Protein backbone atom coordinates (compact mmCIF):
# COMPACT_ATOMS: atom_id res chain seq x y z
CA ASP A 1 9.80 -10.49 3.46
CA TYR A 2 6.17 -9.48 3.62
CA PRO A 3 3.95 -11.76 5.71
CA THR A 4 1.61 -13.97 3.68
CA PRO A 5 -1.59 -12.48 5.20
CA VAL A 6 -0.46 -8.99 4.14
CA ILE A 7 0.21 -10.16 0.60
CA VAL A 8 -3.15 -11.92 0.39
CA ASP A 9 -4.99 -8.89 1.80
CA TYR A 10 -3.32 -6.62 -0.77
CA VAL A 11 -4.14 -8.95 -3.67
CA ILE A 12 -7.76 -9.36 -2.59
CA GLY A 13 -8.19 -5.60 -2.25
CA CYS A 14 -6.51 -4.98 -5.58
CA MET A 15 -8.73 -7.53 -7.31
CA ALA A 16 -11.85 -6.09 -5.68
CA SER A 17 -10.93 -2.71 -7.16
CA ASN A 18 -9.79 -3.90 -10.59
CA GLY A 19 -11.75 -7.03 -11.39
CA GLU A 20 -11.76 -10.58 -10.16
CA THR A 21 -10.13 -12.27 -13.13
CA GLN A 22 -7.14 -14.54 -13.54
CA ASP A 23 -5.32 -11.69 -15.31
CA MET A 24 -5.96 -9.36 -12.36
CA LEU A 25 -4.73 -12.03 -9.95
CA ARG A 26 -1.42 -12.06 -11.82
CA ARG A 27 -1.24 -8.26 -12.05
CA CYS A 28 -2.14 -7.68 -8.41
CA SER A 29 0.38 -10.32 -7.28
CA CYS A 30 2.98 -8.64 -9.44
CA SER A 31 2.09 -5.30 -7.87
CA ILE A 32 2.69 -6.36 -4.26
CA ASP A 33 5.89 -8.13 -5.32
CA ALA A 34 7.07 -4.91 -6.98
CA ILE A 35 6.22 -2.87 -3.89
CA ALA A 36 8.09 -5.39 -1.74
CA SER A 37 11.15 -5.02 -3.97
CA ILE A 38 11.09 -1.23 -3.52
CA ILE A 39 10.32 -0.69 0.17
CA PRO A 40 10.90 -2.91 3.21
CA TYR A 41 7.93 -4.37 5.05
CA ASP A 42 8.32 -2.11 8.10
CA THR A 43 7.99 0.98 5.87
CA TYR A 44 4.94 -0.51 4.16
CA GLU A 45 3.34 -1.34 7.51
CA GLN A 46 4.00 2.14 8.91
CA ALA A 47 2.59 3.86 5.83
CA GLU A 48 -0.52 1.66 5.82
CA THR A 49 -1.11 2.45 9.50
CA ILE A 50 -0.67 6.18 8.90
CA MET A 51 -3.14 6.09 6.00
CA ARG A 52 -5.72 4.30 8.15
CA MET A 53 -5.27 6.84 10.93
CA GLN A 54 -5.63 9.72 8.46
CA GLN A 55 -9.12 8.46 7.59
CA THR A 56 -10.38 8.65 11.17
CA MET A 57 -12.06 11.66 12.74
CA GLY A 58 -10.85 13.94 15.48
CA ALA A 59 -7.76 15.76 16.63
CA GLN A 60 -5.57 12.68 16.57
CA ALA A 61 -6.32 12.14 12.88
CA THR A 62 -5.26 15.72 12.20
CA LEU A 63 -1.86 14.89 13.67
CA PHE A 64 -1.48 12.07 11.13
CA ARG A 65 -2.57 14.35 8.27
CA ASN A 66 -0.43 17.36 9.14
CA THR A 67 2.88 15.88 10.30
CA LYS A 68 5.44 16.16 7.52
CA ALA A 69 7.44 13.07 8.51
CA LEU A 70 4.29 10.95 8.44
CA ARG A 71 3.19 12.36 5.09
CA MET A 72 6.64 11.55 3.70
CA LYS A 73 6.25 7.92 4.82
CA VAL A 74 2.92 7.69 2.99
CA ASP A 75 4.44 9.35 -0.07
CA GLU A 76 7.16 6.69 -0.10
CA LEU A 77 4.50 3.96 -0.30
CA ARG A 78 2.54 5.83 -2.95
CA LEU A 79 5.64 6.19 -5.11
CA ALA A 80 6.26 2.45 -4.77
CA GLN A 81 2.65 1.83 -5.81
CA VAL A 82 3.07 4.04 -8.89
CA GLU A 83 6.20 2.11 -9.86
CA ALA A 84 4.33 -1.15 -9.31
CA ASP A 85 1.55 0.07 -11.60
CA PHE A 86 4.09 0.79 -14.33
CA ARG A 87 5.61 -2.66 -13.96
CA CYS A 88 2.42 -4.67 -13.67
CA PHE A 89 -0.50 -2.86 -15.25
């Protein structure tokens, strides 16, 4: 199960990017539910952390950008997001 604050944060971010309508609320909620059905929360959390670290500056960020195992974790989340888009949007 994904924690409620994580779900809410995802839906708010999704709606900020796609429009703050009732329809988008349903679609964005569907999207995080679809992601949750594809990957476990610990994988989601790891991938989100890696993506945040990739956006920082410095040598440590390079480690997060260039390590194959970490890129694969992010790719797993991105594939889940693509599937969620197909299901919900």
